Amino acid sequence: MFFFILGLFLGSLLNNIALRLEKNEDFLFSRSKCPSCGKILQWYELIPILSFIFQKGKCRVCQNKISFRYPLVEIFTGFWVFLLAFSLKTTLNPIFVVEFLFYLIFFSILFVLALYDLKTYLVDDRLIFFGVLTGILFNLAKKKFLILPRDFSYLLNYLFNFGKFETLITPFFLSSILLLIFLITQGKGIGFGDVKIAFLLGLFLRPGDGLLAIILSSFLGSICGIYFILKEKNLKKPIPFVPFIFLGTLGAILFGESLTKIYFNFML
């Protein structure tokens, strides 16, 4: 329950950051305000879910409706934060806390990138830079605190084992996969921003885990693409890919071991 509640408040923050990035507004020092009338919101108007319910989905001043995006993002973030903590088996042990915080930052960056991509079809390089910096610090912290590499996809990490150079090679390995797709499709299949995000994945995931995340992302994106083609008969409509990268990465962490065992048992 603690992690779910933590996720609710984090979701409110991440949603706010994404919205301000979309509007090219400052998201570090300015206070939250009503998107309709501009009224500065008080602390009791910023309580996740409860404020939306008590205000009946409306601004207290102008009475304009508040988008359902706010509670939906908060609830969804609550769930993925809970699932992340459960998957990492997070305890009060300082080592596990440090590891969880880094993964939480990693997924928070991915989530904001996903929300931003949904609206703009773009990737914000400031978030990529912050994510890469966090990933470097994460790998330094792993050495300092003797944190063992997480193995989410079981056999895939044995097939793609780069030995002592894994931390250095993995970001380039994963980004090269999407770079190849980008070059083959001449930028029509995926954007170059997705290549940058694949590099970011490699700083937090082992090679097999990152590869599985990309496979799941592509699978989910293909299903969505086929759906829109059949529904709207539009082959040129762009589809934001970062939300699928987020879901694919979360899926690799939650179900990676089970999925790879099923696959290899079926193949063998």
C-alpha atoms as a PDB file:
ATOM      1  CA  MET A   1       0.000   0.000   0.000  1.00  0.00           C
ATOM      2  CA  PHE A   2       2.885   2.365   0.789  1.00  0.00           C
ATOM      3  CA  PHE A   3       4.307   2.044  -2.720  1.00  0.00           C
ATOM      4  CA  PHE A   4       0.905   2.537  -4.337  1.00  0.00           C
ATOM      5  CA  ILE A   5       0.323   5.765  -2.375  1.00  0.00           C
ATOM      6  CA  LEU A   6       3.861   6.873  -3.209  1.00  0.00           C
ATOM      7  CA  GLY A   7       2.996   6.239  -6.858  1.00  0.00           C
ATOM      8  CA  LEU A   8      -0.149   8.393  -6.649  1.00  0.00           C
ATOM      9  CA  PHE A   9       1.832  11.442  -5.543  1.00  0.00           C
ATOM     10  CA  LEU A  10       4.628  10.665  -7.989  1.00  0.00           C
ATOM     11  CA  GLY A  11       2.077  10.360 -10.807  1.00  0.00           C
ATOM     12  CA  SER A  12       0.731  13.833  -9.991  1.00  0.00           C
ATOM     13  CA  LEU A  13       4.264  15.230 -10.181  1.00  0.00           C
ATOM     14  CA  LEU A  14       5.206  13.417 -13.406  1.00  0.00           C
ATOM     15  CA  ASN A  15       1.970  14.412 -15.111  1.00  0.00           C
ATOM     16  CA  ASN A  16       2.619  18.023 -14.161  1.00  0.00           C
ATOM     17  CA  ILE A  17       6.156  17.860 -15.573  1.00  0.00           C
ATOM     18  CA  ALA A  18       4.925  16.353 -18.849  1.00  0.00           C
ATOM     19  CA  LEU A  19       2.187  18.994 -19.234  1.00  0.00           C
ATOM     20  CA  ARG A  20       4.627  21.832 -18.637  1.00  0.00           C
ATOM     21  CA  LEU A  21       7.104  20.367 -21.105  1.00  0.00           C
ATOM     22  CA  GLU A  22       4.305  20.240 -23.679  1.00  0.00           C
ATOM     23  CA  LYS A  23       3.611  23.952 -23.086  1.00  0.00           C
ATOM     24  CA  ASN A  24       7.322  24.807 -22.822  1.00  0.00           C
ATOM     25  CA  GLU A  25       6.807  26.114 -19.282  1.00  0.00           C
ATOM     26  CA  ASP A  26       9.112  25.941 -16.282  1.00  0.00           C
ATOM     27  CA  PHE A  27       8.501  22.777 -14.270  1.00  0.00           C
ATOM     28  CA  LEU A  28      11.127  23.173 -11.551  1.00  0.00           C
ATOM     29  CA  PHE A  29      10.195  26.337  -9.674  1.00  0.00           C
ATOM     30  CA  SER A  30       6.736  27.504 -10.767  1.00  0.00           C
ATOM     31  CA  ARG A  31       3.662  26.471  -8.770  1.00  0.00           C
ATOM     32  CA  SER A  32       0.779  24.365 -10.042  1.00  0.00           C
ATOM     33  CA  LYS A  33      -2.188  26.250 -11.459  1.00  0.00           C
ATOM     34  CA  CYS A  34      -5.549  25.659 -13.088  1.00  0.00           C
ATOM     35  CA  PRO A  35      -5.009  25.170 -16.852  1.00  0.00           C
ATOM     36  CA  SER A  36      -8.220  27.113 -17.560  1.00  0.00           C
ATOM     37  CA  CYS A  37      -8.179  30.210 -15.328  1.00  0.00           C
ATOM     38  CA  GLY A  38      -4.564  30.179 -14.152  1.00  0.00           C
ATOM     39  CA  LYS A  39      -5.414  30.180 -10.425  1.00  0.00           C
ATOM     40  CA  ILE A  40      -2.513  29.003  -8.231  1.00  0.00           C
ATOM     41  CA  LEU A  41      -3.595  25.762  -6.564  1.00  0.00           C
ATOM     42  CA  GLN A  42      -3.432  25.233  -2.800  1.00  0.00           C
ATOM     43  CA  TRP A  43      -2.009  22.090  -1.197  1.00  0.00           C
ATOM     44  CA  TYR A  44      -5.496  20.643  -0.557  1.00  0.00           C
ATOM     45  CA  GLU A  45      -6.252  20.936  -4.275  1.00  0.00           C
ATOM     46  CA  LEU A  46      -3.232  18.795  -5.135  1.00  0.00           C
ATOM     47  CA  ILE A  47      -4.043  15.614  -3.221  1.00  0.00           C
ATOM     48  CA  PRO A  48      -4.078  12.785  -5.786  1.00  0.00           C
ATOM     49  CA  ILE A  49      -7.532  11.344  -6.582  1.00  0.00           C
ATOM     50  CA  LEU A  50      -9.197  12.863  -3.477  1.00  0.00           C
ATOM     51  CA  SER A  51      -8.996  16.480  -4.683  1.00  0.00           C
ATOM     52  CA  PHE A  52     -10.510  15.454  -8.019  1.00  0.00           C
ATOM     53  CA  ILE A  53     -13.361  13.621  -6.265  1.00  0.00           C
ATOM     54  CA  PHE A  54     -14.137  16.315  -3.673  1.00  0.00           C
ATOM     55  CA  GLN A  55     -14.109  19.048  -6.324  1.00  0.00           C
ATOM     56  CA  LYS A  56     -16.302  16.882  -8.570  1.00  0.00           C
ATOM     57  CA  GLY A  57     -13.757  17.111 -11.345  1.00  0.00           C
ATOM     58  CA  LYS A  58     -13.975  20.914 -11.548  1.00  0.00           C
ATOM     59  CA  CYS A  59     -11.820  23.920 -10.672  1.00  0.00           C
ATOM     60  CA  ARG A  60     -12.980  25.551  -7.415  1.00  0.00           C
ATOM     61  CA  VAL A  61     -12.789  29.045  -8.973  1.00  0.00           C
ATOM     62  CA  CYS A  62     -13.763  28.900 -12.648  1.00  0.00           C
ATOM     63  CA  GLN A  63     -15.750  25.642 -12.413  1.00  0.00           C
ATOM     64  CA  ASN A  64     -14.248  24.380 -15.671  1.00  0.00           C
ATOM     65  CA  LYS A  65     -13.869  20.625 -15.891  1.00  0.00           C
ATOM     66  CA  ILE A  66     -10.547  19.054 -14.949  1.00  0.00           C
ATOM     67  CA  SER A  67      -9.254  16.517 -17.452  1.00  0.00           C
ATOM     68  CA  PHE A  68      -9.583  12.853 -16.480  1.00  0.00           C
ATOM     69  CA  ARG A  69      -5.946  12.582 -17.487  1.00  0.00           C
ATOM     70  CA  TYR A  70      -4.971  13.697 -13.978  1.00  0.00           C
ATOM     71  CA  PRO A  71      -6.559  10.897 -11.914  1.00  0.00           C
ATOM     72  CA  LEU A  72      -5.877   8.277 -14.599  1.00  0.00           C
ATOM     73  CA  VAL A  73      -2.157   9.068 -14.681  1.00  0.00           C
ATOM     74  CA  GLU A  74      -2.018   9.083 -10.873  1.00  0.00           C
ATOM     75  CA  ILE A  75      -3.731   5.697 -10.575  1.00  0.00           C
ATOM     76  CA  PHE A  76      -1.639   4.129 -13.330  1.00  0.00           C
ATOM     77  CA  THR A  77       1.564   5.425 -11.734  1.00  0.00           C
ATOM     78  CA  GLY A  78       0.454   4.021  -8.384  1.00  0.00           C
ATOM     79  CA  PHE A  79       0.122   0.593  -9.949  1.00  0.00           C
ATOM     80  CA  TRP A  80       3.435   0.561 -11.803  1.00  0.00           C
ATOM     81  CA  VAL A  81       5.349   1.854  -8.776  1.00  0.00           C
ATOM     82  CA  PHE A  82       3.791  -0.923  -6.670  1.00  0.00           C
ATOM     83  CA  LEU A  83       4.604  -3.550  -9.319  1.00  0.00           C
ATOM     84  CA  LEU A  84       8.165  -2.255  -9.658  1.00  0.00           C
ATOM     85  CA  ALA A  85       8.755  -2.486  -5.897  1.00  0.00           C
ATOM     86  CA  PHE A  86       7.194  -5.967  -5.854  1.00  0.00           C
ATOM     87  CA  SER A  87       9.334  -7.161  -8.768  1.00  0.00           C
ATOM     88  CA  LEU A  88      12.539  -5.833  -7.194  1.00  0.00           C
ATOM     89  CA  LYS A  89      11.504  -7.326  -3.842  1.00  0.00           C
ATOM     90  CA  THR A  90      12.306  -3.987  -2.227  1.00  0.00           C
ATOM     91  CA  THR A  91      12.935  -4.025   1.536  1.00  0.00           C
ATOM     92  CA  LEU A  92      14.286  -1.507   4.047  1.00  0.00           C
ATOM     93  CA  ASN A  93      17.788  -2.845   3.436  1.00  0.00           C
ATOM     94  CA  PRO A  94      19.801   0.250   2.345  1.00  0.00           C
ATOM     95  CA  ILE A  95      21.142  -1.559  -0.739  1.00  0.00           C
ATOM     96  CA  PHE A  96      17.645  -2.439  -1.956  1.00  0.00           C
ATOM     97  CA  VAL A  97      16.429   1.091  -1.212  1.00  0.00           C
ATOM     98  CA  VAL A  98      19.252   2.615  -3.285  1.00  0.00           C
ATOM     99  CA  GLU A  99      18.533   0.213  -6.146  1.00  0.00           C
ATOM    100  CA  PHE A 100      14.779   0.890  -6.028  1.00  0.00           C
ATOM    101  CA  LEU A 101      15.291   4.661  -6.068  1.00  0.00           C
ATOM    102  CA  PHE A 102      17.440   4.455  -9.191  1.00  0.00           C
ATOM    103  CA  TYR A 103      14.936   2.230 -10.983  1.00  0.00           C
ATOM    104  CA  LEU A 104      12.147   4.550  -9.835  1.00  0.00           C
ATOM    105  CA  ILE A 105      13.936   7.526 -11.389  1.00  0.00           C
ATOM    106  CA  PHE A 106      14.576   5.509 -14.554  1.00  0.00           C
ATOM    107  CA  PHE A 107      10.916   4.556 -14.985  1.00  0.00           C
ATOM    108  CA  SER A 108       9.781   8.052 -14.036  1.00  0.00           C
ATOM    109  CA  ILE A 109      11.888   9.491 -16.871  1.00  0.00           C
ATOM    110  CA  LEU A 110      10.517   6.881 -19.286  1.00  0.00           C
ATOM    111  CA  PHE A 111       6.973   7.653 -18.162  1.00  0.00           C
ATOM    112  CA  VAL A 112       7.314  11.418 -18.660  1.00  0.00           C
ATOM    113  CA  LEU A 113       8.865  10.767 -22.077  1.00  0.00           C
ATOM    114  CA  ALA A 114       5.875   8.541 -22.891  1.00  0.00           C
ATOM    115  CA  LEU A 115       3.333  11.175 -21.820  1.00  0.00           C
ATOM    116  CA  TYR A 116       5.220  13.841 -23.755  1.00  0.00           C
ATOM    117  CA  ASP A 117       5.420  11.649 -26.864  1.00  0.00           C
ATOM    118  CA  LEU A 118       1.684  10.943 -26.746  1.00  0.00           C
ATOM    119  CA  LYS A 119       0.954  14.639 -27.235  1.00  0.00           C
ATOM    120  CA  THR A 120       3.871  15.898 -29.304  1.00  0.00           C
ATOM    121  CA  TYR A 121       5.302  12.823 -31.108  1.00  0.00           C
ATOM    122  CA  LEU A 122       8.684  14.074 -29.931  1.00  0.00           C
ATOM    123  CA  VAL A 123      11.354  13.108 -27.402  1.00  0.00           C
ATOM    124  CA  ASP A 124      12.703  15.757 -25.050  1.00  0.00           C
ATOM    125  CA  ASP A 125      16.522  15.647 -25.079  1.00  0.00           C
ATOM    126  CA  ARG A 126      16.728  17.246 -21.619  1.00  0.00           C
ATOM    127  CA  LEU A 127      15.094  14.177 -20.105  1.00  0.00           C
ATOM    128  CA  ILE A 128      17.363  11.868 -22.112  1.00  0.00           C
ATOM    129  CA  PHE A 129      20.432  13.716 -20.828  1.00  0.00           C
ATOM    130  CA  PHE A 130      19.175  13.555 -17.243  1.00  0.00           C
ATOM    131  CA  GLY A 131      18.419   9.849 -17.688  1.00  0.00           C
ATOM    132  CA  VAL A 132      21.888   9.092 -19.070  1.00  0.00           C
ATOM    133  CA  LEU A 133      23.490  10.977 -16.173  1.00  0.00           C
ATOM    134  CA  THR A 134      21.330   9.027 -13.704  1.00  0.00           C
ATOM    135  CA  GLY A 135      22.262   5.765 -15.441  1.00  0.00           C
ATOM    136  CA  ILE A 136      25.971   6.523 -15.092  1.00  0.00           C
ATOM    137  CA  LEU A 137      25.506   7.303 -11.398  1.00  0.00           C
ATOM    138  CA  PHE A 138      23.496   4.089 -11.035  1.00  0.00           C
ATOM    139  CA  ASN A 139      26.347   1.991 -12.437  1.00  0.00           C
ATOM    140  CA  LEU A 140      28.848   3.746 -10.181  1.00  0.00           C
ATOM    141  CA  ALA A 141      26.554   3.110  -7.192  1.00  0.00           C
ATOM    142  CA  LYS A 142      26.307  -0.583  -8.115  1.00  0.00           C
ATOM    143  CA  LYS A 143      30.071  -0.891  -7.816  1.00  0.00           C
ATOM    144  CA  LYS A 144      30.238   1.095  -4.585  1.00  0.00           C
ATOM    145  CA  PHE A 145      27.390  -0.739  -2.832  1.00  0.00           C
ATOM    146  CA  LEU A 146      28.180  -4.109  -4.482  1.00  0.00           C
ATOM    147  CA  ILE A 147      24.697  -4.300  -6.036  1.00  0.00           C
ATOM    148  CA  LEU A 148      24.451  -7.406  -8.204  1.00  0.00           C
ATOM    149  CA  PRO A 149      23.096  -6.940 -11.749  1.00  0.00           C
ATOM    150  CA  ARG A 150      19.397  -7.771 -11.953  1.00  0.00           C
ATOM    151  CA  ASP A 151      18.533 -10.690 -14.223  1.00  0.00           C
ATOM    152  CA  PHE A 152      14.942 -10.254 -15.409  1.00  0.00           C
ATOM    153  CA  SER A 153      14.910 -12.330 -18.590  1.00  0.00           C
ATOM    154  CA  TYR A 154      16.809 -15.393 -17.432  1.00  0.00           C
ATOM    155  CA  LEU A 155      18.247 -17.258 -20.466  1.00  0.00           C
ATOM    156  CA  LEU A 156      18.452 -14.246 -22.769  1.00  0.00           C
ATOM    157  CA  ASN A 157      21.164 -12.740 -20.618  1.00  0.00           C
ATOM    158  CA  TYR A 158      23.215 -15.913 -21.019  1.00  0.00           C
ATOM    159  CA  LEU A 159      22.912 -15.737 -24.798  1.00  0.00           C
ATOM    160  CA  PHE A 160      23.894 -12.059 -24.869  1.00  0.00           C
ATOM    161  CA  ASN A 161      26.704 -11.999 -22.354  1.00  0.00           C
ATOM    162  CA  PHE A 162      29.310  -9.266 -22.850  1.00  0.00           C
ATOM    163  CA  GLY A 163      31.303 -10.195 -19.768  1.00  0.00           C
ATOM    164  CA  LYS A 164      33.098  -7.470 -17.844  1.00  0.00           C
ATOM    165  CA  PHE A 165      32.362  -4.957 -20.628  1.00  0.00           C
ATOM    166  CA  GLU A 166      28.590  -5.437 -20.336  1.00  0.00           C
ATOM    167  CA  THR A 167      27.905  -2.049 -18.738  1.00  0.00           C
ATOM    168  CA  LEU A 168      29.800  -0.276 -21.514  1.00  0.00           C
ATOM    169  CA  ILE A 169      28.554  -2.313 -24.499  1.00  0.00           C
ATOM    170  CA  THR A 170      24.851  -2.778 -23.649  1.00  0.00           C
ATOM    171  CA  PRO A 171      23.702   0.832 -24.346  1.00  0.00           C
ATOM    172  CA  PHE A 172      25.356   0.753 -27.792  1.00  0.00           C
ATOM    173  CA  PHE A 173      24.058  -2.766 -28.484  1.00  0.00           C
ATOM    174  CA  LEU A 174      20.432  -1.835 -27.789  1.00  0.00           C
ATOM    175  CA  SER A 175      20.553   1.545 -29.519  1.00  0.00           C
ATOM    176  CA  SER A 176      22.164  -0.036 -32.609  1.00  0.00           C
ATOM    177  CA  ILE A 177      19.104  -2.285 -33.022  1.00  0.00           C
ATOM    178  CA  LEU A 178      16.725   0.666 -33.231  1.00  0.00           C
ATOM    179  CA  LEU A 179      19.256   2.670 -35.241  1.00  0.00           C
ATOM    180  CA  LEU A 180      19.225  -0.096 -37.863  1.00  0.00           C
ATOM    181  CA  ILE A 181      15.411   0.040 -38.009  1.00  0.00           C
ATOM    182  CA  PHE A 182      15.576   3.836 -38.231  1.00  0.00           C
ATOM    183  CA  LEU A 183      18.001   3.662 -41.181  1.00  0.00           C
ATOM    184  CA  ILE A 184      16.148   0.882 -43.016  1.00  0.00           C
ATOM    185  CA  THR A 185      12.799   2.696 -42.767  1.00  0.00           C
ATOM    186  CA  GLN A 186      14.450   6.086 -43.393  1.00  0.00           C
ATOM    187  CA  GLY A 187      12.929   7.423 -40.192  1.00  0.00           C
ATOM    188  CA  LYS A 188       9.389   6.383 -41.097  1.00  0.00           C
ATOM    189  CA  GLY A 189       9.248   3.327 -38.858  1.00  0.00           C
ATOM    190  CA  ILE A 190      10.619   4.940 -35.700  1.00  0.00           C
ATOM    191  CA  GLY A 191      12.139   8.293 -34.827  1.00  0.00           C
ATOM    192  CA  PHE A 192      15.739   8.946 -33.826  1.00  0.00           C
ATOM    193  CA  GLY A 193      14.483   9.828 -30.347  1.00  0.00           C
ATOM    194  CA  ASP A 194      13.604   6.152 -29.879  1.00  0.00           C
ATOM    195  CA  VAL A 195      17.236   5.271 -30.628  1.00  0.00           C
ATOM    196  CA  LYS A 196      18.319   7.587 -27.804  1.00  0.00           C
ATOM    197  CA  ILE A 197      15.870   5.944 -25.416  1.00  0.00           C
ATOM    198  CA  ALA A 198      17.259   2.504 -26.302  1.00  0.00           C
ATOM    199  CA  PHE A 199      20.682   3.800 -25.235  1.00  0.00           C
ATOM    200  CA  LEU A 200      19.107   4.867 -21.944  1.00  0.00           C
ATOM    201  CA  LEU A 201      17.644   1.374 -21.456  1.00  0.00           C
ATOM    202  CA  GLY A 202      21.109  -0.097 -21.758  1.00  0.00           C
ATOM    203  CA  LEU A 203      22.330   1.848 -18.746  1.00  0.00           C
ATOM    204  CA  PHE A 204      19.775   0.201 -16.458  1.00  0.00           C
ATOM    205  CA  LEU A 205      19.112  -3.197 -18.039  1.00  0.00           C
ATOM    206  CA  ARG A 206      21.269  -6.168 -18.972  1.00  0.00           C
ATOM    207  CA  PRO A 207      21.503  -6.998 -22.720  1.00  0.00           C
ATOM    208  CA  GLY A 208      18.875  -9.755 -22.712  1.00  0.00           C
ATOM    209  CA  ASP A 209      16.477  -7.715 -20.592  1.00  0.00           C
ATOM    210  CA  GLY A 210      16.834  -4.702 -22.877  1.00  0.00           C
ATOM    211  CA  LEU A 211      16.383  -6.853 -25.973  1.00  0.00           C
ATOM    212  CA  LEU A 212      13.212  -8.366 -24.533  1.00  0.00           C
ATOM    213  CA  ALA A 213      11.949  -4.855 -23.699  1.00  0.00           C
ATOM    214  CA  ILE A 214      12.470  -3.810 -27.327  1.00  0.00           C
ATOM    215  CA  ILE A 215      10.770  -6.966 -28.631  1.00  0.00           C
ATOM    216  CA  LEU A 216       7.749  -6.442 -26.375  1.00  0.00           C
ATOM    217  CA  SER A 217       7.622  -2.750 -27.315  1.00  0.00           C
ATOM    218  CA  SER A 218       7.661  -3.595 -31.015  1.00  0.00           C
ATOM    219  CA  PHE A 219       4.994  -6.263 -30.540  1.00  0.00           C
ATOM    220  CA  LEU A 220       2.662  -3.901 -28.690  1.00  0.00           C
ATOM    221  CA  GLY A 221       3.340  -1.088 -31.139  1.00  0.00           C
ATOM    222  CA  SER A 222       2.595  -3.376 -34.101  1.00  0.00           C
ATOM    223  CA  ILE A 223      -0.739  -4.444 -32.625  1.00  0.00           C
ATOM    224  CA  CYS A 224      -1.709  -0.805 -32.091  1.00  0.00           C
ATOM    225  CA  GLY A 225      -0.550   0.098 -35.591  1.00  0.00           C
ATOM    226  CA  ILE A 226      -2.613  -2.674 -37.191  1.00  0.00           C
ATOM    227  CA  TYR A 227      -5.640  -1.576 -35.168  1.00  0.00           C
ATOM    228  CA  PHE A 228      -5.389   2.034 -36.401  1.00  0.00           C
ATOM    229  CA  ILE A 229      -4.814   0.916 -39.985  1.00  0.00           C
ATOM    230  CA  LEU A 230      -7.932  -1.254 -39.925  1.00  0.00           C
ATOM    231  CA  LYS A 231      -9.996   1.351 -38.077  1.00  0.00           C
ATOM    232  CA  GLU A 232      -8.986   4.558 -39.843  1.00  0.00           C
ATOM    233  CA  LYS A 233      -7.618   3.196 -43.145  1.00  0.00           C
ATOM    234  CA  ASN A 234      -4.681   5.575 -42.711  1.00  0.00           C
ATOM    235  CA  LEU A 235      -1.216   4.176 -43.369  1.00  0.00           C
ATOM    236  CA  LYS A 236       0.541   7.507 -42.748  1.00  0.00           C
ATOM    237  CA  LYS A 237      -0.817   8.353 -39.307  1.00  0.00           C
ATOM    238  CA  PRO A 238       2.114   8.590 -36.841  1.00  0.00           C
ATOM    239  CA  ILE A 239       1.985   6.424 -33.747  1.00  0.00           C
ATOM    240  CA  PRO A 240       3.974   7.468 -30.654  1.00  0.00           C
ATOM    241  CA  PHE A 241       6.379   4.640 -29.829  1.00  0.00           C
ATOM    242  CA  VAL A 242       7.731   5.752 -26.436  1.00  0.00           C
ATOM    243  CA  PRO A 243       4.584   4.630 -24.530  1.00  0.00           C
ATOM    244  CA  PHE A 244       5.178   1.141 -25.919  1.00  0.00           C
ATOM    245  CA  ILE A 245       8.832   1.296 -24.869  1.00  0.00           C
ATOM    246  CA  PHE A 246       7.657   2.108 -21.347  1.00  0.00           C
ATOM    247  CA  LEU A 247       5.144  -0.764 -21.321  1.00  0.00           C
ATOM    248  CA  GLY A 248       7.613  -3.156 -22.953  1.00  0.00           C
ATOM    249  CA  THR A 249      10.304  -2.329 -20.404  1.00  0.00           C
ATOM    250  CA  LEU A 250       7.879  -2.741 -17.512  1.00  0.00           C
ATOM    251  CA  GLY A 251       6.710  -6.032 -19.018  1.00  0.00           C
ATOM    252  CA  ALA A 252      10.300  -7.276 -19.363  1.00  0.00           C
ATOM    253  CA  ILE A 253      10.963  -6.589 -15.693  1.00  0.00           C
ATOM    254  CA  LEU A 254       7.688  -8.093 -14.443  1.00  0.00           C
ATOM    255  CA  PHE A 255       7.373 -11.104 -16.753  1.00  0.00           C
ATOM    256  CA  GLY A 256      10.790 -11.470 -18.398  1.00  0.00           C
ATOM    257  CA  GLU A 257      11.795 -14.716 -16.709  1.00  0.00           C
ATOM    258  CA  SER A 258       8.426 -16.390 -17.324  1.00  0.00           C
ATOM    259  CA  LEU A 259       8.257 -15.276 -20.970  1.00  0.00           C
ATOM    260  CA  THR A 260      11.762 -16.472 -21.822  1.00  0.00           C
ATOM    261  CA  LYS A 261      11.230 -19.813 -20.081  1.00  0.00           C
ATOM    262  CA  ILE A 262       8.002 -20.346 -22.041  1.00  0.00           C
ATOM    263  CA  TYR A 263       9.735 -19.411 -25.303  1.00  0.00           C
ATOM    264  CA  PHE A 264      12.766 -21.644 -24.835  1.00  0.00           C
ATOM    265  CA  ASN A 265      10.692 -24.566 -23.554  1.00  0.00           C
ATOM    266  CA  PHE A 266       8.517 -24.244 -26.662  1.00  0.00           C
ATOM    267  CA  MET A 267      11.491 -23.998 -29.016  1.00  0.00           C
ATOM    268  CA  LEU A 268      13.358 -26.883 -27.416  1.00  0.00           C
END
